[in-house]
Amino acid sequence: MRSNKQTSNGGILVAVVGSMTAAQRAQRALLSAAIRADIVKSDSESGRGCSYGVAFPASQQNNVRTILSATHINVRRYSQDAWSIL
């Protein structure tokens, strides 16, 4: 497993969306807008189960927020915390 990879353009952020299905929808929406997005497993807020999200370049944060909002994907939080690429 890889974790918290940094890039030269400001790093990587994760939009935590909850379920794997929501993460897949988010990934498709971002990829259709030419934004690279990887599905990742994130630390759960409640301590039960696991959460999923999409990792994307931090430089794209404003675009990602706009796209996910427009496609009605509920983002629980944006994070730089520990996560693992699946």
Protein backbone atom coordinates (compact mmCIF):
# COMPACT_ATOMS: atom_id res chain seq x y z
CA MET A 1 0.00 0.00 0.00
CA ARG A 2 1.12 3.53 -0.71
CA SER A 3 0.29 6.43 1.55
CA ASN A 4 0.28 10.23 1.50
CA LYS A 5 2.24 10.75 -1.69
CA GLN A 6 3.23 14.38 -2.27
CA THR A 7 3.56 15.98 -5.68
CA SER A 8 5.44 19.07 -6.82
CA ASN A 9 2.18 20.98 -7.41
CA GLY A 10 1.10 21.23 -3.78
CA GLY A 11 0.34 17.70 -2.72
CA ILE A 12 -2.65 15.44 -2.68
CA LEU A 13 -6.03 15.98 -1.05
CA VAL A 14 -8.81 13.49 -0.44
CA ALA A 15 -12.53 14.15 -0.78
CA VAL A 16 -14.04 11.66 1.66
CA VAL A 17 -17.46 10.59 0.41
CA GLY A 18 -18.27 7.52 2.47
CA SER A 19 -19.18 4.48 0.39
CA MET A 20 -17.28 2.79 -2.39
CA THR A 21 -20.19 3.49 -4.76
CA ALA A 22 -20.06 7.22 -4.02
CA ALA A 23 -16.28 7.18 -4.50
CA GLN A 24 -16.70 5.51 -7.90
CA ARG A 25 -19.27 8.14 -8.94
CA ALA A 26 -16.93 10.91 -7.79
CA GLN A 27 -14.01 9.38 -9.67
CA ARG A 28 -16.04 9.14 -12.90
CA ALA A 29 -17.19 12.77 -12.55
CA LEU A 30 -13.65 14.01 -12.03
CA LEU A 31 -12.15 11.89 -14.78
CA SER A 32 -14.76 13.21 -17.22
CA ALA A 33 -13.44 16.70 -16.39
CA ALA A 34 -9.83 15.54 -17.03
CA ILE A 35 -8.91 15.58 -13.33
CA ARG A 36 -6.93 12.56 -12.17
CA ALA A 37 -8.66 10.86 -9.26
CA ASP A 38 -7.79 7.65 -7.42
CA ILE A 39 -10.18 5.83 -5.11
CA VAL A 40 -8.71 5.60 -1.63
CA LYS A 41 -9.62 4.07 1.69
CA SER A 42 -9.76 6.68 4.43
CA ASP A 43 -9.80 6.60 8.21
CA SER A 44 -13.36 6.39 9.48
CA GLU A 45 -14.66 9.29 11.57
CA SER A 46 -16.83 7.06 13.74
CA GLY A 47 -14.25 4.35 14.30
CA ARG A 48 -16.60 1.76 12.78
CA GLY A 49 -16.07 0.38 9.32
CA CYS A 50 -14.22 2.36 6.71
CA SER A 51 -14.78 5.35 4.50
CA TYR A 52 -13.78 5.84 0.90
CA GLY A 53 -12.87 8.89 -1.06
CA VAL A 54 -11.03 10.16 -4.09
CA ALA A 55 -7.48 11.49 -4.04
CA PHE A 56 -6.74 14.37 -6.38
CA PRO A 57 -4.06 17.04 -6.91
CA ALA A 58 -4.40 19.84 -4.35
CA SER A 59 -4.06 22.38 -7.15
CA GLN A 60 -7.47 21.20 -8.44
CA GLN A 61 -9.33 21.72 -5.15
CA ASN A 62 -11.64 24.50 -6.39
CA ASN A 63 -12.51 22.58 -9.56
CA VAL A 64 -13.15 19.38 -7.60
CA ARG A 65 -15.47 21.15 -5.16
CA THR A 66 -17.42 22.65 -8.05
CA ILE A 67 -17.70 19.37 -9.97
CA LEU A 68 -18.71 17.23 -6.99
CA SER A 69 -21.27 19.80 -5.88
CA ALA A 70 -22.73 20.05 -9.39
CA THR A 71 -23.06 16.25 -9.59
CA HIS A 72 -24.74 16.09 -6.16
CA ILE A 73 -22.02 14.02 -4.53
CA ASN A 74 -21.99 14.67 -0.79
CA VAL A 75 -18.45 15.16 0.49
CA ARG A 76 -18.05 14.49 4.21
CA ARG A 77 -14.74 16.28 4.43
CA TYR A 78 -11.61 17.24 2.52
CA SER A 79 -8.53 15.79 4.12
CA GLN A 80 -4.77 15.41 3.95
CA ASP A 81 -4.93 12.79 6.71
CA ALA A 82 -3.79 9.18 6.45
CA TRP A 83 -5.25 7.19 3.57
CA SER A 84 -4.30 4.29 1.36
CA ILE A 85 -4.66 3.97 -2.39
CA LEU A 86 -6.59 0.82 -3.24
